[in-house]
Amino acid sequence: MSSAESDDTDPTKAEIACFEVGIKFGTLYHQFAGTPVNPESADSLARAMEDAIKNQPHCESVAIEMDEEALAAAADGEYTELTGRFMTVEIVVAREGRTVTARMAMDDGYPLMEIASVEDR
C-alpha cells in the first residue's frame, strides 16, 4: 500500500487530536500532582499550570479552577499535596483540522478526564 493510501488501522484526524489532548492532561496531572498547595497559593499554582500546558504545541486554551474550600479543609491551616480532587480543568487542543475540548472533574471520587467535544475547525 502506498503512503498516500489509507486503511482501517490509520488513526482518524479526530483520534489524532484526541490523543494530543490526552498528552496535555497526562503532563498536567503527573507533572503537578504532589505539589504543596494551600488556599493562598492555589490561584498562582493554577495560573502557572495553565501557562506550562499552553506552551505545548496545538494547545488553544487551558482553564483550571481550584476548589479552595476543599483545599482549606485538607490543608488544616498549613498545606496539602495537589491531587485531582482539588481542581476542575478544561483543555482545548486544535490539531489536524479538529478542535477537541476535554475536561477533568471528580466523578465518584476519581479525577475523570474525558472528551467533551470534537469539532471541525
PDB file of N, CA and C in Angstrom:
ATOM      1  N   MET A   1       0.845  -1.169   0.000  1.00  0.00           N
ATOM      2  CA  MET A   1       0.000   0.000   0.000  1.00  0.00           C
ATOM      3  C   MET A   1       0.892   1.234   0.000  1.00  0.00           C
ATOM      4  N   SER A   2       0.595   2.211  -0.818  1.00  0.00           N
ATOM      5  CA  SER A   2       1.413   3.421  -0.875  1.00  0.00           C
ATOM      6  C   SER A   2       1.112   4.313   0.315  1.00  0.00           C
ATOM      7  N   SER A   3       2.026   5.246   0.581  1.00  0.00           N
ATOM      8  CA  SER A   3       1.831   6.141   1.729  1.00  0.00           C
ATOM      9  C   SER A   3       0.645   7.067   1.533  1.00  0.00           C
ATOM     10  N   ALA A   4       0.193   7.258   0.279  1.00  0.00           N
ATOM     11  CA  ALA A   4      -0.961   8.124   0.016  1.00  0.00           C
ATOM     12  C   ALA A   4      -2.269   7.404   0.326  1.00  0.00           C
ATOM     13  N   GLU A   5      -2.238   6.073   0.381  1.00  0.00           N
ATOM     14  CA  GLU A   5      -3.450   5.305   0.667  1.00  0.00           C
ATOM     15  C   GLU A   5      -3.628   5.160   2.176  1.00  0.00           C
ATOM     16  N   SER A   6      -4.830   4.811   2.558  1.00  0.00           N
ATOM     17  CA  SER A   6      -5.144   4.638   3.968  1.00  0.00           C
ATOM     18  C   SER A   6      -5.879   3.324   4.146  1.00  0.00           C
ATOM     19  N   ASP A   7      -5.824   2.778   5.317  1.00  0.00           N
ATOM     20  CA  ASP A   7      -6.644   1.617   5.620  1.00  0.00           C
ATOM     21  C   ASP A   7      -7.305   1.825   6.977  1.00  0.00           C
ATOM     22  N   ASP A   8      -8.052   0.854   7.428  1.00  0.00           N
ATOM     23  CA  ASP A   8      -8.825   0.994   8.662  1.00  0.00           C
ATOM     24  C   ASP A   8      -7.979   1.099   9.920  1.00  0.00           C
ATOM     25  N   THR A   9      -6.683   0.831   9.829  1.00  0.00           N
ATOM     26  CA  THR A   9      -5.842   0.918  11.016  1.00  0.00           C
ATOM     27  C   THR A   9      -5.223   2.290  11.206  1.00  0.00           C
ATOM     28  N   ASP A  10      -5.328   3.165  10.204  1.00  0.00           N
ATOM     29  CA  ASP A  10      -4.786   4.520  10.348  1.00  0.00           C
ATOM     30  C   ASP A  10      -5.676   5.328  11.279  1.00  0.00           C
ATOM     31  N   PRO A  11      -5.093   6.103  12.187  1.00  0.00           N
ATOM     32  CA  PRO A  11      -5.924   6.918  13.067  1.00  0.00           C
ATOM     33  C   PRO A  11      -6.632   8.022  12.271  1.00  0.00           C
ATOM     34  N   THR A  12      -7.825   8.334  12.693  1.00  0.00           N
ATOM     35  CA  THR A  12      -8.554   9.433  12.072  1.00  0.00           C
ATOM     36  C   THR A  12      -7.988  10.757  12.574  1.00  0.00           C
ATOM     37  N   LYS A  13      -8.320  11.835  11.904  1.00  0.00           N
ATOM     38  CA  LYS A  13      -7.884  13.156  12.354  1.00  0.00           C
ATOM     39  C   LYS A  13      -8.442  13.455  13.739  1.00  0.00           C
ATOM     40  N   ALA A  14      -9.655  13.048  14.008  1.00  0.00           N
ATOM     41  CA  ALA A  14     -10.243  13.260  15.337  1.00  0.00           C
ATOM     42  C   ALA A  14      -9.481  12.466  16.395  1.00  0.00           C
ATOM     43  N   GLU A  15      -9.088  11.230  16.079  1.00  0.00           N
ATOM     44  CA  GLU A  15      -8.331  10.419  17.031  1.00  0.00           C
ATOM     45  C   GLU A  15      -6.965  11.037  17.313  1.00  0.00           C
ATOM     46  N   ILE A  16      -6.334  11.579  16.289  1.00  0.00           N
ATOM     47  CA  ILE A  16      -5.037  12.230  16.477  1.00  0.00           C
ATOM     48  C   ILE A  16      -5.189  13.434  17.404  1.00  0.00           C
ATOM     49  N   ALA A  17      -6.235  14.227  17.197  1.00  0.00           N
ATOM     50  CA  ALA A  17      -6.482  15.401  18.045  1.00  0.00           C
ATOM     51  C   ALA A  17      -6.809  14.976  19.476  1.00  0.00           C
ATOM     52  N   CYS A  18      -7.581  13.915  19.634  1.00  0.00           N
ATOM     53  CA  CYS A  18      -7.917  13.430  20.983  1.00  0.00           C
ATOM     54  C   CYS A  18      -6.677  12.912  21.710  1.00  0.00           C
ATOM     55  N   PHE A  19      -5.800  12.226  20.988  1.00  0.00           N
ATOM     56  CA  PHE A  19      -4.549  11.770  21.586  1.00  0.00           C
ATOM     57  C   PHE A  19      -3.745  12.969  22.092  1.00  0.00           C
ATOM     58  N   GLU A  20      -3.702  14.029  21.304  1.00  0.00           N
ATOM     59  CA  GLU A  20      -2.950  15.229  21.685  1.00  0.00           C
ATOM     60  C   GLU A  20      -3.479  15.825  22.988  1.00  0.00           C
ATOM     61  N   VAL A  21      -4.791  15.878  23.148  1.00  0.00           N
ATOM     62  CA  VAL A  21      -5.335  16.423  24.399  1.00  0.00           C
ATOM     63  C   VAL A  21      -5.028  15.487  25.567  1.00  0.00           C
ATOM     64  N   GLY A  22      -4.950  14.178  25.294  1.00  0.00           N
ATOM     65  CA  GLY A  22      -4.558  13.232  26.341  1.00  0.00           C
ATOM     66  C   GLY A  22      -3.141  13.470  26.824  1.00  0.00           C
ATOM     67  N   ILE A  23      -2.255  13.827  25.887  1.00  0.00           N
ATOM     68  CA  ILE A  23      -0.875  14.159  26.259  1.00  0.00           C
ATOM     69  C   ILE A  23      -0.868  15.356  27.199  1.00  0.00           C
ATOM     70  N   LYS A  24      -1.675  16.354  26.895  1.00  0.00           N
ATOM     71  CA  LYS A  24      -1.736  17.564  27.735  1.00  0.00           C
ATOM     72  C   LYS A  24      -2.206  17.211  29.148  1.00  0.00           C
ATOM     73  N   PHE A  25      -3.250  16.383  29.245  1.00  0.00           N
ATOM     74  CA  PHE A  25      -3.748  16.005  30.567  1.00  0.00           C
ATOM     75  C   PHE A  25      -2.731  15.161  31.326  1.00  0.00           C
ATOM     76  N   GLY A  26      -2.057  14.262  30.640  1.00  0.00           N
ATOM     77  CA  GLY A  26      -1.028  13.465  31.306  1.00  0.00           C
ATOM     78  C   GLY A  26       0.068  14.337  31.867  1.00  0.00           C
ATOM     79  N   THR A  27       0.486  15.320  31.085  1.00  0.00           N
ATOM     80  CA  THR A  27       1.519  16.252  31.545  1.00  0.00           C
ATOM     81  C   THR A  27       1.014  17.045  32.736  1.00  0.00           C
ATOM     82  N   LEU A  28      -0.181  17.591  32.607  1.00  0.00           N
ATOM     83  CA  LEU A  28      -0.731  18.425  33.679  1.00  0.00           C
ATOM     84  C   LEU A  28      -0.824  17.635  34.982  1.00  0.00           C
ATOM     85  N   TYR A  29      -1.429  16.480  34.909  1.00  0.00           N
ATOM     86  CA  TYR A  29      -1.680  15.738  36.144  1.00  0.00           C
ATOM     87  C   TYR A  29      -0.397  15.191  36.756  1.00  0.00           C
ATOM     88  N   HIS A  30       0.405  14.562  35.950  1.00  0.00           N
ATOM     89  CA  HIS A  30       1.571  13.885  36.517  1.00  0.00           C
ATOM     90  C   HIS A  30       2.748  14.815  36.794  1.00  0.00           C
ATOM     91  N   GLN A  31       2.770  15.947  36.151  1.00  0.00           N
ATOM     92  CA  GLN A  31       3.816  16.933  36.450  1.00  0.00           C
ATOM     93  C   GLN A  31       3.543  17.642  37.775  1.00  0.00           C
ATOM     94  N   PHE A  32       2.269  17.916  38.062  1.00  0.00           N
ATOM     95  CA  PHE A  32       1.940  18.765  39.204  1.00  0.00           C
ATOM     96  C   PHE A  32       1.344  18.031  40.400  1.00  0.00           C
ATOM     97  N   ALA A  33       0.919  16.791  40.245  1.00  0.00           N
ATOM     98  CA  ALA A  33       0.395  16.042  41.392  1.00  0.00           C
ATOM     99  C   ALA A  33       1.469  15.962  42.466  1.00  0.00           C
ATOM    100  N   GLY A  34       1.092  16.247  43.679  1.00  0.00           N
ATOM    101  CA  GLY A  34       2.026  16.216  44.791  1.00  0.00           C
ATOM    102  C   GLY A  34       2.624  17.570  45.141  1.00  0.00           C
ATOM    103  N   THR A  35       2.364  18.584  44.320  1.00  0.00           N
ATOM    104  CA  THR A  35       2.877  19.931  44.603  1.00  0.00           C
ATOM    105  C   THR A  35       2.254  20.451  45.896  1.00  0.00           C
ATOM    106  N   PRO A  36       3.051  20.982  46.816  1.00  0.00           N
ATOM    107  CA  PRO A  36       2.476  21.579  48.026  1.00  0.00           C
ATOM    108  C   PRO A  36       1.592  22.767  47.662  1.00  0.00           C
ATOM    109  N   VAL A  37       0.381  22.810  48.231  1.00  0.00           N
ATOM    110  CA  VAL A  37      -0.572  23.874  47.910  1.00  0.00           C
ATOM    111  C   VAL A  37      -1.451  24.152  49.124  1.00  0.00           C
ATOM    112  N   ASN A  38      -1.863  25.400  49.244  1.00  0.00           N
ATOM    113  CA  ASN A  38      -2.846  25.792  50.248  1.00  0.00           C
ATOM    114  C   ASN A  38      -3.784  26.796  49.584  1.00  0.00           C
ATOM    115  N   PRO A  39      -4.853  27.214  50.247  1.00  0.00           N
ATOM    116  CA  PRO A  39      -5.795  28.137  49.603  1.00  0.00           C
ATOM    117  C   PRO A  39      -5.147  29.440  49.121  1.00  0.00           C
ATOM    118  N   GLU A  40      -4.134  29.909  49.826  1.00  0.00           N
ATOM    119  CA  GLU A  40      -3.481  31.163  49.440  1.00  0.00           C
ATOM    120  C   GLU A  40      -2.631  31.022  48.177  1.00  0.00           C
ATOM    121  N   SER A  41      -2.076  29.847  47.938  1.00  0.00           N
ATOM    122  CA  SER A  41      -1.220  29.650  46.764  1.00  0.00           C
ATOM    123  C   SER A  41      -1.950  28.982  45.599  1.00  0.00           C
ATOM    124  N   ALA A  42      -3.182  28.585  45.806  1.00  0.00           N
ATOM    125  CA  ALA A  42      -3.913  27.812  44.798  1.00  0.00           C
ATOM    126  C   ALA A  42      -4.065  28.559  43.475  1.00  0.00           C
ATOM    127  N   ASP A  43      -4.423  29.832  43.529  1.00  0.00           N
ATOM    128  CA  ASP A  43      -4.647  30.577  42.290  1.00  0.00           C
ATOM    129  C   ASP A  43      -3.351  30.732  41.498  1.00  0.00           C
ATOM    130  N   SER A  44      -2.257  31.078  42.174  1.00  0.00           N
ATOM    131  CA  SER A  44      -0.997  31.247  41.441  1.00  0.00           C
ATOM    132  C   SER A  44      -0.503  29.910  40.879  1.00  0.00           C
ATOM    133  N   LEU A  45      -0.737  28.817  41.606  1.00  0.00           N
ATOM    134  CA  LEU A  45      -0.368  27.495  41.091  1.00  0.00           C
ATOM    135  C   LEU A  45      -1.209  27.158  39.857  1.00  0.00           C
ATOM    136  N   ALA A  46      -2.505  27.449  39.903  1.00  0.00           N
ATOM    137  CA  ALA A  46      -3.374  27.182  38.751  1.00  0.00           C
ATOM    138  C   ALA A  46      -2.909  27.953  37.528  1.00  0.00           C
ATOM    139  N   ARG A  47      -2.555  29.226  37.703  1.00  0.00           N
ATOM    140  CA  ARG A  47      -2.086  30.042  36.569  1.00  0.00           C
ATOM    141  C   ARG A  47      -0.754  29.507  36.027  1.00  0.00           C
ATOM    142  N   ALA A  48       0.134  29.078  36.909  1.00  0.00           N
ATOM    143  CA  ALA A  48       1.412  28.517  36.467  1.00  0.00           C
ATOM    144  C   ALA A  48       1.188  27.215  35.693  1.00  0.00           C
ATOM    145  N   MET A  49       0.267  26.387  36.150  1.00  0.00           N
ATOM    146  CA  MET A  49      -0.048  25.148  35.455  1.00  0.00           C
ATOM    147  C   MET A  49      -0.625  25.442  34.072  1.00  0.00           C
ATOM    148  N   GLU A  50      -1.547  26.399  34.012  1.00  0.00           N
ATOM    149  CA  GLU A  50      -2.125  26.786  32.724  1.00  0.00           C
ATOM    150  C   GLU A  50      -1.038  27.249  31.758  1.00  0.00           C
ATOM    151  N   ASP A  51      -0.163  28.123  32.234  1.00  0.00           N
ATOM    152  CA  ASP A  51       0.912  28.637  31.377  1.00  0.00           C
ATOM    153  C   ASP A  51       1.828  27.522  30.898  1.00  0.00           C
ATOM    154  N   ALA A  52       2.146  26.583  31.767  1.00  0.00           N
ATOM    155  CA  ALA A  52       3.034  25.481  31.385  1.00  0.00           C
ATOM    156  C   ALA A  52       2.407  24.612  30.299  1.00  0.00           C
ATOM    157  N   ILE A  53       1.139  24.279  30.441  1.00  0.00           N
ATOM    158  CA  ILE A  53       0.482  23.420  29.461  1.00  0.00           C
ATOM    159  C   ILE A  53       0.270  24.169  28.148  1.00  0.00           C
ATOM    160  N   LYS A  54      -0.037  25.458  28.210  1.00  0.00           N
ATOM    161  CA  LYS A  54      -0.221  26.259  26.989  1.00  0.00           C
ATOM    162  C   LYS A  54       1.043  26.322  26.146  1.00  0.00           C
ATOM    163  N   ASN A  55       2.212  26.102  26.743  1.00  0.00           N
ATOM    164  CA  ASN A  55       3.469  26.105  25.986  1.00  0.00           C
ATOM    165  C   ASN A  55       3.557  24.946  24.995  1.00  0.00           C
ATOM    166  N   GLN A  56       2.802  23.894  25.202  1.00  0.00           N
ATOM    167  CA  GLN A  56       2.882  22.718  24.348  1.00  0.00           C
ATOM    168  C   GLN A  56       2.211  22.982  22.999  1.00  0.00           C
ATOM    169  N   PRO A  57       2.707  22.337  21.944  1.00  0.00           N
ATOM    170  CA  PRO A  57       2.123  22.529  20.615  1.00  0.00           C
ATOM    171  C   PRO A  57       0.635  22.168  20.582  1.00  0.00           C
ATOM    172  N   HIS A  58      -0.102  22.883  19.753  1.00  0.00           N
ATOM    173  CA  HIS A  58      -1.513  22.636  19.449  1.00  0.00           C
ATOM    174  C   HIS A  58      -2.478  23.011  20.575  1.00  0.00           C
ATOM    175  N   CYS A  59      -1.979  23.516  21.674  1.00  0.00           N
ATOM    176  CA  CYS A  59      -2.844  23.861  22.800  1.00  0.00           C
ATOM    177  C   CYS A  59      -3.460  25.240  22.569  1.00  0.00           C
ATOM    178  N   GLU A  60      -4.782  25.286  22.512  1.00  0.00           N
ATOM    179  CA  GLU A  60      -5.504  26.539  22.308  1.00  0.00           C
ATOM    180  C   GLU A  60      -5.779  27.249  23.631  1.00  0.00           C
ATOM    181  N   SER A  61      -6.224  26.489  24.630  1.00  0.00           N
ATOM    182  CA  SER A  61      -6.514  27.108  25.924  1.00  0.00           C
ATOM    183  C   SER A  61      -6.515  26.063  27.039  1.00  0.00           C
ATOM    184  N   VAL A  62      -6.269  26.563  28.241  1.00  0.00           N
ATOM    185  CA  VAL A  62      -6.306  25.741  29.453  1.00  0.00           C
ATOM    186  C   VAL A  62      -6.962  26.582  30.535  1.00  0.00           C
ATOM    187  N   ALA A  63      -7.944  26.017  31.208  1.00  0.00           N
ATOM    188  CA  ALA A  63      -8.598  26.711  32.318  1.00  0.00           C
ATOM    189  C   ALA A  63      -8.635  25.768  33.522  1.00  0.00           C
ATOM    190  N   ILE A  64      -8.065  26.230  34.624  1.00  0.00           N
ATOM    191  CA  ILE A  64      -8.016  25.426  35.849  1.00  0.00           C
ATOM    192  C   ILE A  64      -8.684  26.212  36.965  1.00  0.00           C
ATOM    193  N   GLU A  65      -9.644  25.571  37.606  1.00  0.00           N
ATOM    194  CA  GLU A  65     -10.307  26.159  38.774  1.00  0.00           C
ATOM    195  C   GLU A  65      -9.981  25.297  39.978  1.00  0.00           C
ATOM    196  N   MET A  66      -9.457  25.940  41.015  1.00  0.00           N
ATOM    197  CA  MET A  66      -9.134  25.223  42.247  1.00  0.00           C
ATOM    198  C   MET A  66     -10.320  25.287  43.209  1.00  0.00           C
ATOM    199  N   ASP A  67     -10.555  24.209  43.920  1.00  0.00           N
ATOM    200  CA  ASP A  67     -11.594  24.144  44.947  1.00  0.00           C
ATOM    201  C   ASP A  67     -10.945  24.566  46.265  1.00  0.00           C
ATOM    202  N   GLU A  68     -10.988  25.870  46.523  1.00  0.00           N
ATOM    203  CA  GLU A  68     -10.285  26.405  47.689  1.00  0.00           C
ATOM    204  C   GLU A  68     -10.905  25.951  49.010  1.00  0.00           C
ATOM    205  N   GLU A  69     -12.213  25.674  49.038  1.00  0.00           N
ATOM    206  CA  GLU A  69     -12.835  25.154  50.268  1.00  0.00           C
ATOM    207  C   GLU A  69     -12.290  23.768  50.598  1.00  0.00           C
ATOM    208  N   ALA A  70     -12.199  22.914  49.586  1.00  0.00           N
ATOM    209  CA  ALA A  70     -11.657  21.566  49.803  1.00  0.00           C
ATOM    210  C   ALA A  70     -10.181  21.642  50.192  1.00  0.00           C
ATOM    211  N   LEU A  71      -9.449  22.573  49.568  1.00  0.00           N
ATOM    212  CA  LEU A  71      -8.040  22.760  49.936  1.00  0.00           C
ATOM    213  C   LEU A  71      -7.904  23.189  51.387  1.00  0.00           C
ATOM    214  N   ALA A  72      -8.743  24.138  51.802  1.00  0.00           N
ATOM    215  CA  ALA A  72      -8.680  24.633  53.179  1.00  0.00           C
ATOM    216  C   ALA A  72      -8.959  23.506  54.170  1.00  0.00           C
ATOM    217  N   ALA A  73      -9.930  22.681  53.873  1.00  0.00           N
ATOM    218  CA  ALA A  73     -10.268  21.570  54.762  1.00  0.00           C
ATOM    219  C   ALA A  73      -9.125  20.559  54.827  1.00  0.00           C
ATOM    220  N   ALA A  74      -8.497  20.293  53.697  1.00  0.00           N
ATOM    221  CA  ALA A  74      -7.409  19.308  53.656  1.00  0.00           C
ATOM    222  C   ALA A  74      -6.110  19.863  54.214  1.00  0.00           C
ATOM    223  N   ALA A  75      -5.881  21.167  54.023  1.00  0.00           N
ATOM    224  CA  ALA A  75      -4.618  21.767  54.454  1.00  0.00           C
ATOM    225  C   ALA A  75      -4.551  21.929  55.960  1.00  0.00           C
ATOM    226  N   ASP A  76      -5.687  22.054  56.602  1.00  0.00           N
ATOM    227  CA  ASP A  76      -5.742  22.171  58.061  1.00  0.00           C
ATOM    228  C   ASP A  76      -4.777  23.238  58.580  1.00  0.00           C
ATOM    229  N   GLY A  77      -4.827  24.423  57.933  1.00  0.00           N
ATOM    230  CA  GLY A  77      -4.016  25.548  58.396  1.00  0.00           C
ATOM    231  C   GLY A  77      -2.631  25.631  57.802  1.00  0.00           C
ATOM    232  N   GLU A  78      -2.178  24.615  57.115  1.00  0.00           N
ATOM    233  CA  GLU A  78      -0.836  24.646  56.541  1.00  0.00           C
ATOM    234  C   GLU A  78      -0.909  24.413  55.041  1.00  0.00           C
ATOM    235  N   TYR A  79      -0.630  23.213  54.606  1.00  0.00           N
ATOM    236  CA  TYR A  79      -0.685  22.897  53.180  1.00  0.00           C
ATOM    237  C   TYR A  79      -1.067  21.440  53.003  1.00  0.00           C
ATOM    238  N   THR A  80      -1.396  21.107  51.786  1.00  0.00           N
ATOM    239  CA  THR A  80      -1.643  19.723  51.413  1.00  0.00           C
ATOM    240  C   THR A  80      -0.994  19.497  50.052  1.00  0.00           C
ATOM    241  N   GLU A  81      -1.044  18.285  49.566  1.00  0.00           N
ATOM    242  CA  GLU A  81      -0.499  17.981  48.250  1.00  0.00           C
ATOM    243  C   GLU A  81      -1.607  18.058  47.213  1.00  0.00           C
ATOM    244  N   LEU A  82      -1.285  18.633  46.066  1.00  0.00           N
ATOM    245  CA  LEU A  82      -2.252  18.761  44.985  1.00  0.00           C
ATOM    246  C   LEU A  82      -2.626  17.395  44.422  1.00  0.00           C
ATOM    247  N   THR A  83      -3.913  17.173  44.301  1.00  0.00           N
ATOM    248  CA  THR A  83      -4.457  16.000  43.612  1.00  0.00           C
ATOM    249  C   THR A  83      -5.625  16.475  42.756  1.00  0.00           C
ATOM    250  N   GLY A  84      -6.141  15.584  41.952  1.00  0.00           N
ATOM    251  CA  GLY A  84      -7.255  15.919  41.082  1.00  0.00           C
ATOM    252  C   GLY A  84      -8.509  16.342  41.810  1.00  0.00           C
ATOM    253  N   ARG A  85      -8.657  15.950  43.063  1.00  0.00           N
ATOM    254  CA  ARG A  85      -9.880  16.309  43.781  1.00  0.00           C
ATOM    255  C   ARG A  85      -9.975  17.800  44.083  1.00  0.00           C
ATOM    256  N   PHE A  86      -8.880  18.517  43.926  1.00  0.00           N
ATOM    257  CA  PHE A  86      -8.881  19.951  44.223  1.00  0.00           C
ATOM    258  C   PHE A  86      -9.042  20.834  42.994  1.00  0.00           C
ATOM    259  N   MET A  87      -9.174  20.241  41.805  1.00  0.00           N
ATOM    260  CA  MET A  87      -9.246  21.090  40.620  1.00  0.00           C
ATOM    261  C   MET A  87     -10.200  20.550  39.573  1.00  0.00           C
ATOM    262  N   THR A  88     -10.750  21.496  38.827  1.00  0.00           N
ATOM    263  CA  THR A  88     -11.549  21.213  37.642  1.00  0.00           C
ATOM    264  C   THR A  88     -10.782  21.832  36.475  1.00  0.00           C
ATOM    265  N   VAL A  89     -10.635  21.088  35.389  1.00  0.00           N
ATOM    266  CA  VAL A  89      -9.771  21.527  34.285  1.00  0.00           C
ATOM    267  C   VAL A  89     -10.509  21.387  32.957  1.00  0.00           C
ATOM    268  N   GLU A  90     -10.279  22.357  32.080  1.00  0.00           N
ATOM    269  CA  GLU A  90     -10.721  22.242  30.695  1.00  0.00           C
ATOM    270  C   GLU A  90      -9.538  22.579  29.791  1.00  0.00           C
ATOM    271  N   ILE A  91      -9.275  21.719  28.817  1.00  0.00           N
ATOM    272  CA  ILE A  91      -8.194  21.929  27.851  1.00  0.00           C
ATOM    273  C   ILE A  91      -8.788  21.860  26.452  1.00  0.00           C
ATOM    274  N   VAL A  92      -8.384  22.809  25.611  1.00  0.00           N
ATOM    275  CA  VAL A  92      -8.811  22.822  24.209  1.00  0.00           C
ATOM    276  C   VAL A  92      -7.563  22.706  23.343  1.00  0.00           C
ATOM    277  N   VAL A  93      -7.591  21.730  22.433  1.00  0.00           N
ATOM    278  CA  VAL A  93      -6.489  21.462  21.517  1.00  0.00           C
ATOM    279  C   VAL A  93      -7.014  21.556  20.092  1.00  0.00           C
ATOM    280  N   ALA A  94      -6.221  22.148  19.210  1.00  0.00           N
ATOM    281  CA  ALA A  94      -6.545  22.188  17.784  1.00  0.00           C
ATOM    282  C   ALA A  94      -5.461  21.436  17.031  1.00  0.00           C
ATOM    283  N   ARG A  95      -5.873  20.387  16.312  1.00  0.00           N
ATOM    284  CA  ARG A  95      -4.898  19.560  15.584  1.00  0.00           C
ATOM    285  C   ARG A  95      -5.597  18.851  14.450  1.00  0.00           C
ATOM    286  N   GLU A  96      -4.914  18.741  13.333  1.00  0.00           N
ATOM    287  CA  GLU A  96      -5.422  18.002  12.177  1.00  0.00           C
ATOM    288  C   GLU A  96      -6.815  18.479  11.748  1.00  0.00           C
ATOM    289  N   GLY A  97      -7.070  19.788  11.851  1.00  0.00           N
ATOM    290  CA  GLY A  97      -8.355  20.330  11.427  1.00  0.00           C
ATOM    291  C   GLY A  97      -9.498  20.085  12.392  1.00  0.00           C
ATOM    292  N   ARG A  98      -9.186  19.614  13.586  1.00  0.00           N
ATOM    293  CA  ARG A  98     -10.207  19.337  14.602  1.00  0.00           C
ATOM    294  C   ARG A  98      -9.889  20.135  15.869  1.00  0.00           C
ATOM    295  N   THR A  99     -10.935  20.524  16.560  1.00  0.00           N
ATOM    296  CA  THR A  99     -10.785  21.156  17.866  1.00  0.00           C
ATOM    297  C   THR A  99     -11.409  20.219  18.892  1.00  0.00           C
ATOM    298  N   VAL A 100     -10.605  19.836  19.870  1.00  0.00           N
ATOM    299  CA  VAL A 100     -11.051  18.917  20.917  1.00  0.00           C
ATOM    300  C   VAL A 100     -11.092  19.660  22.243  1.00  0.00           C
ATOM    301  N   THR A 101     -12.220  19.550  22.912  1.00  0.00           N
ATOM    302  CA  THR A 101     -12.366  20.085  24.262  1.00  0.00           C
ATOM    303  C   THR A 101     -12.470  18.901  25.208  1.00  0.00           C
ATOM    304  N   ALA A 102     -11.612  18.899  26.229  1.00  0.00           N
ATOM    305  CA  ALA A 102     -11.606  17.821  27.213  1.00  0.00           C
ATOM    306  C   ALA A 102     -11.679  18.436  28.604  1.00  0.00           C
ATOM    307  N   ARG A 103     -12.254  17.685  29.512  1.00  0.00           N
ATOM    308  CA  ARG A 103     -12.428  18.191  30.880  1.00  0.00           C
ATOM    309  C   ARG A 103     -12.009  17.129  31.892  1.00  0.00           C
ATOM    310  N   MET A 104     -11.611  17.629  33.063  1.00  0.00           N
ATOM    311  CA  MET A 104     -11.343  16.758  34.197  1.00  0.00           C
ATOM    312  C   MET A 104     -12.130  17.296  35.376  1.00  0.00           C
ATOM    313  N   ALA A 105     -12.881  16.412  36.004  1.00  0.00           N
ATOM    314  CA  ALA A 105     -13.630  16.748  37.215  1.00  0.00           C
ATOM    315  C   ALA A 105     -13.795  15.465  38.018  1.00  0.00           C
ATOM    316  N   MET A 106     -14.093  15.619  39.270  1.00  0.00           N
ATOM    317  CA  MET A 106     -14.279  14.453  40.122  1.00  0.00           C
ATOM    318  C   MET A 106     -15.547  13.708  39.722  1.00  0.00           C
ATOM    319  N   ASP A 107     -15.440  12.388  39.655  1.00  0.00           N
ATOM    320  CA  ASP A 107     -16.566  11.519  39.341  1.00  0.00           C
ATOM    321  C   ASP A 107     -16.475  10.308  40.254  1.00  0.00           C
ATOM    322  N   ASP A 108     -17.354  10.273  41.242  1.00  0.00           N
ATOM    323  CA  ASP A 108     -17.388   9.168  42.197  1.00  0.00           C
ATOM    324  C   ASP A 108     -16.028   8.948  42.870  1.00  0.00           C
ATOM    325  N   GLY A 109     -15.394  10.068  43.271  1.00  0.00           N
ATOM    326  CA  GLY A 109     -14.130  10.001  43.988  1.00  0.00           C
ATOM    327  C   GLY A 109     -12.894   9.869  43.119  1.00  0.00           C
ATOM    328  N   TYR A 110     -13.062   9.949  41.801  1.00  0.00           N
ATOM    329  CA  TYR A 110     -11.942   9.777  40.872  1.00  0.00           C
ATOM    330  C   TYR A 110     -11.844  10.993  39.955  1.00  0.00           C
ATOM    331  N   PRO A 111     -10.627  11.525  39.720  1.00  0.00           N
ATOM    332  CA  PRO A 111     -10.486  12.664  38.801  1.00  0.00           C
ATOM    333  C   PRO A 111     -10.596  12.187  37.350  1.00  0.00           C
ATOM    334  N   LEU A 112     -11.821  12.167  36.825  1.00  0.00           N
ATOM    335  CA  LEU A 112     -12.094  11.631  35.499  1.00  0.00           C
ATOM    336  C   LEU A 112     -11.762  12.648  34.417  1.00  0.00           C
ATOM    337  N   MET A 113     -10.946  12.239  33.466  1.00  0.00           N
ATOM    338  CA  MET A 113     -10.607  13.054  32.301  1.00  0.00           C
ATOM    339  C   MET A 113     -11.382  12.488  31.127  1.00  0.00           C
ATOM    340  N   GLU A 114     -12.129  13.358  30.425  1.00  0.00           N
ATOM    341  CA  GLU A 114     -12.938  12.865  29.322  1.00  0.00           C
ATOM    342  C   GLU A 114     -13.055  13.898  28.206  1.00  0.00           C
ATOM    343  N   ILE A 115     -13.314  13.407  27.014  1.00  0.00           N
ATOM    344  CA  ILE A 115     -13.526  14.264  25.859  1.00  0.00           C
ATOM    345  C   ILE A 115     -14.936  14.835  25.968  1.00  0.00           C
ATOM    346  N   ALA A 116     -15.045  16.170  25.889  1.00  0.00           N
ATOM    347  CA  ALA A 116     -16.355  16.819  25.927  1.00  0.00           C
ATOM    348  C   ALA A 116     -16.906  17.022  24.523  1.00  0.00           C
ATOM    349  N   SER A 117     -16.000  17.359  23.564  1.00  0.00           N
ATOM    350  CA  SER A 117     -16.453  17.545  22.189  1.00  0.00           C
ATOM    351  C   SER A 117     -15.281  17.465  21.219  1.00  0.00           C
ATOM    352  N   VAL A 118     -15.605  17.090  19.980  1.00  0.00           N
ATOM    353  CA  VAL A 118     -14.651  17.095  18.871  1.00  0.00           C
ATOM    354  C   VAL A 118     -15.368  17.797  17.729  1.00  0.00           C
ATOM    355  N   GLU A 119     -14.789  18.891  17.249  1.00  0.00           N
ATOM    356  CA  GLU A 119     -15.440  19.674  16.207  1.00  0.00           C
ATOM    357  C   GLU A 119     -14.472  19.937  15.062  1.00  0.00           C
ATOM    358  N   ASP A 120     -15.045  20.081  13.858  1.00  0.00           N
ATOM    359  CA  ASP A 120     -14.242  20.508  12.716  1.00  0.00           C
ATOM    360  C   ASP A 120     -13.877  21.973  12.902  1.00  0.00           C
ATOM    361  N   ARG A 121     -12.686  22.335  12.449  1.00  0.00           N
ATOM    362  CA  ARG A 121     -12.249  23.740  12.559  1.00  0.00           C
ATOM    363  C   ARG A 121     -12.744  24.530  11.393  1.00  0.00           C
TER     364      ARG A 121
END
